[in-house]
PDB file of N, CA and C in Angstrom:
ATOM      1  N   MET A   1      69.794 110.522  85.436  1.00  0.00           N
ATOM      2  CA  MET A   1      70.050 108.887  85.655  1.00  0.00           C
ATOM      3  C   MET A   1      71.450 108.703  84.432  1.00  0.00           C
ATOM      4  N   LEU A   2      71.480 109.310  83.497  1.00  0.00           N
ATOM      5  CA  LEU A   2      73.023 109.193  82.965  1.00  0.00           C
ATOM      6  C   LEU A   2      74.239 110.023  83.941  1.00  0.00           C
ATOM      7  N   ILE A   3      73.866 111.153  83.778  1.00  0.00           N
ATOM      8  CA  ILE A   3      75.161 111.592  84.926  1.00  0.00           C
ATOM      9  C   ILE A   3      75.242 110.653  85.797  1.00  0.00           C
ATOM     10  N   GLY A   4      74.100 110.639  87.191  1.00  0.00           N
ATOM     11  CA  GLY A   4      74.344 109.581  88.507  1.00  0.00           C
ATOM     12  C   GLY A   4      74.974 108.831  87.934  1.00  0.00           C
ATOM     13  N   ARG A   5      74.850 107.956  86.481  1.00  0.00           N
ATOM     14  CA  ARG A   5      75.634 107.140  86.233  1.00  0.00           C
ATOM     15  C   ARG A   5      77.269 107.127  86.232  1.00  0.00           C
ATOM     16  N   LEU A   6      77.756 108.197  85.621  1.00  0.00           N
ATOM     17  CA  LEU A   6      78.885 108.780  85.225  1.00  0.00           C
ATOM     18  C   LEU A   6      79.389 109.298  86.615  1.00  0.00           C
ATOM     19  N   ASN A   7      78.529 109.830  87.603  1.00  0.00           N
ATOM     20  CA  ASN A   7      79.380 110.307  88.175  1.00  0.00           C
ATOM     21  C   ASN A   7      80.332 108.923  89.627  1.00  0.00           C
ATOM     22  N   TRP A   8      78.920 108.045  89.341  1.00  0.00           N
ATOM     23  CA  TRP A   8      79.415 107.092  90.155  1.00  0.00           C
ATOM     24  C   TRP A   8      80.561 105.847  89.601  1.00  0.00           C
ATOM     25  N   ILE A   9      80.382 105.746  87.816  1.00  0.00           N
ATOM     26  CA  ILE A   9      81.805 105.353  87.292  1.00  0.00           C
ATOM     27  C   ILE A   9      82.659 105.362  87.575  1.00  0.00           C
ATOM     28  N   GLU A  10      82.811 107.313  87.527  1.00  0.00           N
ATOM     29  CA  GLU A  10      83.671 108.653  88.000  1.00  0.00           C
ATOM     30  C   GLU A  10      84.576 108.144  89.154  1.00  0.00           C
ATOM     31  N   SER A  11      83.170 108.070  89.872  1.00  0.00           N
ATOM     32  CA  SER A  11      84.319 108.227  91.804  1.00  0.00           C
ATOM     33  C   SER A  11      84.735 106.338  91.675  1.00  0.00           C
ATOM     34  N   TRP A  12      84.188 105.510  90.965  1.00  0.00           N
ATOM     35  CA  TRP A  12      84.648 104.298  91.330  1.00  0.00           C
ATOM     36  C   TRP A  12      85.876 104.068  90.344  1.00  0.00           C
ATOM     37  N   TYR A  13      86.375 104.693  89.446  1.00  0.00           N
ATOM     38  CA  TYR A  13      87.861 104.300  88.560  1.00  0.00           C
ATOM     39  C   TYR A  13      88.405 105.319  89.762  1.00  0.00           C
ATOM     40  N   GLY A  14      88.252 106.516  90.110  1.00  0.00           N
ATOM     41  CA  GLY A  14      89.191 107.301  90.736  1.00  0.00           C
ATOM     42  C   GLY A  14      89.501 106.354  92.212  1.00  0.00           C
ATOM     43  N   ASN A  15      88.179 105.693  92.710  1.00  0.00           N
ATOM     44  CA  ASN A  15      89.024 104.904  94.184  1.00  0.00           C
ATOM     45  C   ASN A  15      89.797 103.790  93.527  1.00  0.00           C
ATOM     46  N   LEU A  16      89.655 103.321  92.634  1.00  0.00           N
ATOM     47  CA  LEU A  16      90.394 102.082  91.291  1.00  0.00           C
ATOM     48  C   LEU A  16      91.732 102.623  91.348  1.00  0.00           C
ATOM     49  N   ARG A  17      91.876 103.825  90.477  1.00  0.00           N
ATOM     50  CA  ARG A  17      92.708 104.183  90.805  1.00  0.00           C
ATOM     51  C   ARG A  17      94.308 104.319  92.217  1.00  0.00           C
ATOM     52  N   SER A  18      93.250 105.185  93.119  1.00  0.00           N
ATOM     53  CA  SER A  18      93.789 105.458  93.937  1.00  0.00           C
ATOM     54  C   SER A  18      94.289 104.587  94.979  1.00  0.00           C
ATOM     55  N   ASP A  19      93.445 103.157  94.564  1.00  0.00           N
ATOM     56  CA  ASP A  19      93.792 101.772  95.251  1.00  0.00           C
ATOM     57  C   ASP A  19      94.981 101.246  94.989  1.00  0.00           C
ATOM     58  N   ASN A  20      94.956 101.622  93.127  1.00  0.00           N
ATOM     59  CA  ASN A  20      96.376 101.079  92.616  1.00  0.00           C
ATOM     60  C   ASN A  20      97.661 102.040  92.924  1.00  0.00           C
ATOM     61  N   PHE A  21      97.471 102.938  93.161  1.00  0.00           N
ATOM     62  CA  PHE A  21      98.802 103.615  93.119  1.00  0.00           C
ATOM     63  C   PHE A  21      98.815 103.239  94.679  1.00  0.00           C
ATOM     64  N   GLN A  22      97.925 103.220  95.714  1.00  0.00           N
ATOM     65  CA  GLN A  22      99.126 103.022  97.170  1.00  0.00           C
ATOM     66  C   GLN A  22      99.107 101.937  96.753  1.00  0.00           C
ATOM     67  N   ILE A  23      98.861 100.895  96.153  1.00  0.00           N
ATOM     68  CA  ILE A  23      99.449  99.228  96.177  1.00  0.00           C
ATOM     69  C   ILE A  23     100.702  99.572  95.649  1.00  0.00           C
ATOM     70  N   GLN A  24     100.711 100.296  94.318  1.00  0.00           N
ATOM     71  CA  GLN A  24     102.561 100.481  93.912  1.00  0.00           C
ATOM     72  C   GLN A  24     103.346 100.914  95.191  1.00  0.00           C
ATOM     73  N   ARG A  25     102.870 102.087  95.282  1.00  0.00           N
ATOM     74  CA  ARG A  25     103.476 103.178  96.555  1.00  0.00           C
ATOM     75  C   ARG A  25     103.583 101.952  98.113  1.00  0.00           C
ATOM     76  N   ASN A  26     103.120 101.062  98.005  1.00  0.00           N
ATOM     77  CA  ASN A  26     103.031 100.021  99.158  1.00  0.00           C
ATOM     78  C   ASN A  26     102.818  98.799  99.232  1.00  0.00           C
ATOM     79  N   PRO A  27     104.036  97.968  98.601  1.00  0.00           N
ATOM     80  CA  PRO A  27     102.787  96.833  98.246  1.00  0.00           C
ATOM     81  C   PRO A  27     102.604  95.588  99.185  1.00  0.00           C
ATOM     82  N   GLY A  28     103.576  95.766 100.242  1.00  0.00           N
ATOM     83  CA  GLY A  28     103.661  95.008 101.581  1.00  0.00           C
ATOM     84  C   GLY A  28     102.219  95.611 103.005  1.00  0.00           C
ATOM     85  N   MET A  29     101.711  96.271 102.512  1.00  0.00           N
ATOM     86  CA  MET A  29     100.673  96.885 103.419  1.00  0.00           C
ATOM     87  C   MET A  29      98.856  96.148 103.310  1.00  0.00           C
ATOM     88  N   LYS A  30      99.011  96.726 101.679  1.00  0.00           N
ATOM     89  CA  LYS A  30      97.961  96.044 100.878  1.00  0.00           C
ATOM     90  C   LYS A  30      97.581  94.372 101.514  1.00  0.00           C
ATOM     91  N   ASN A  31      99.147  93.818 101.507  1.00  0.00           N
ATOM     92  CA  ASN A  31      99.008  91.790 100.894  1.00  0.00           C
ATOM     93  C   ASN A  31      99.337  90.998 102.515  1.00  0.00           C
ATOM     94  N   GLY A  32      99.533  92.612 103.643  1.00  0.00           N
ATOM     95  CA  GLY A  32      99.745  92.154 104.880  1.00  0.00           C
ATOM     96  C   GLY A  32      98.085  92.247 105.349  1.00  0.00           C
ATOM     97  N   GLN A  33      97.157  92.929 104.420  1.00  0.00           N
ATOM     98  CA  GLN A  33      95.737  92.993 105.833  1.00  0.00           C
ATOM     99  C   GLN A  33      94.849  91.645 105.023  1.00  0.00           C
ATOM    100  N   SER A  34      95.360  91.222 103.842  1.00  0.00           N
ATOM    101  CA  SER A  34      94.367  90.477 103.295  1.00  0.00           C
ATOM    102  C   SER A  34      95.278  89.181 103.346  1.00  0.00           C
TER     103      SER A  34
END
């Protein structure tokens, strides 16, 4: 259970970081969609 939780947090944190990275590279892209 703990391992599954760590994997979930790791994938969520990885997605969060990649999202922030994309926003920093393309600020207009995300703002235009929302």
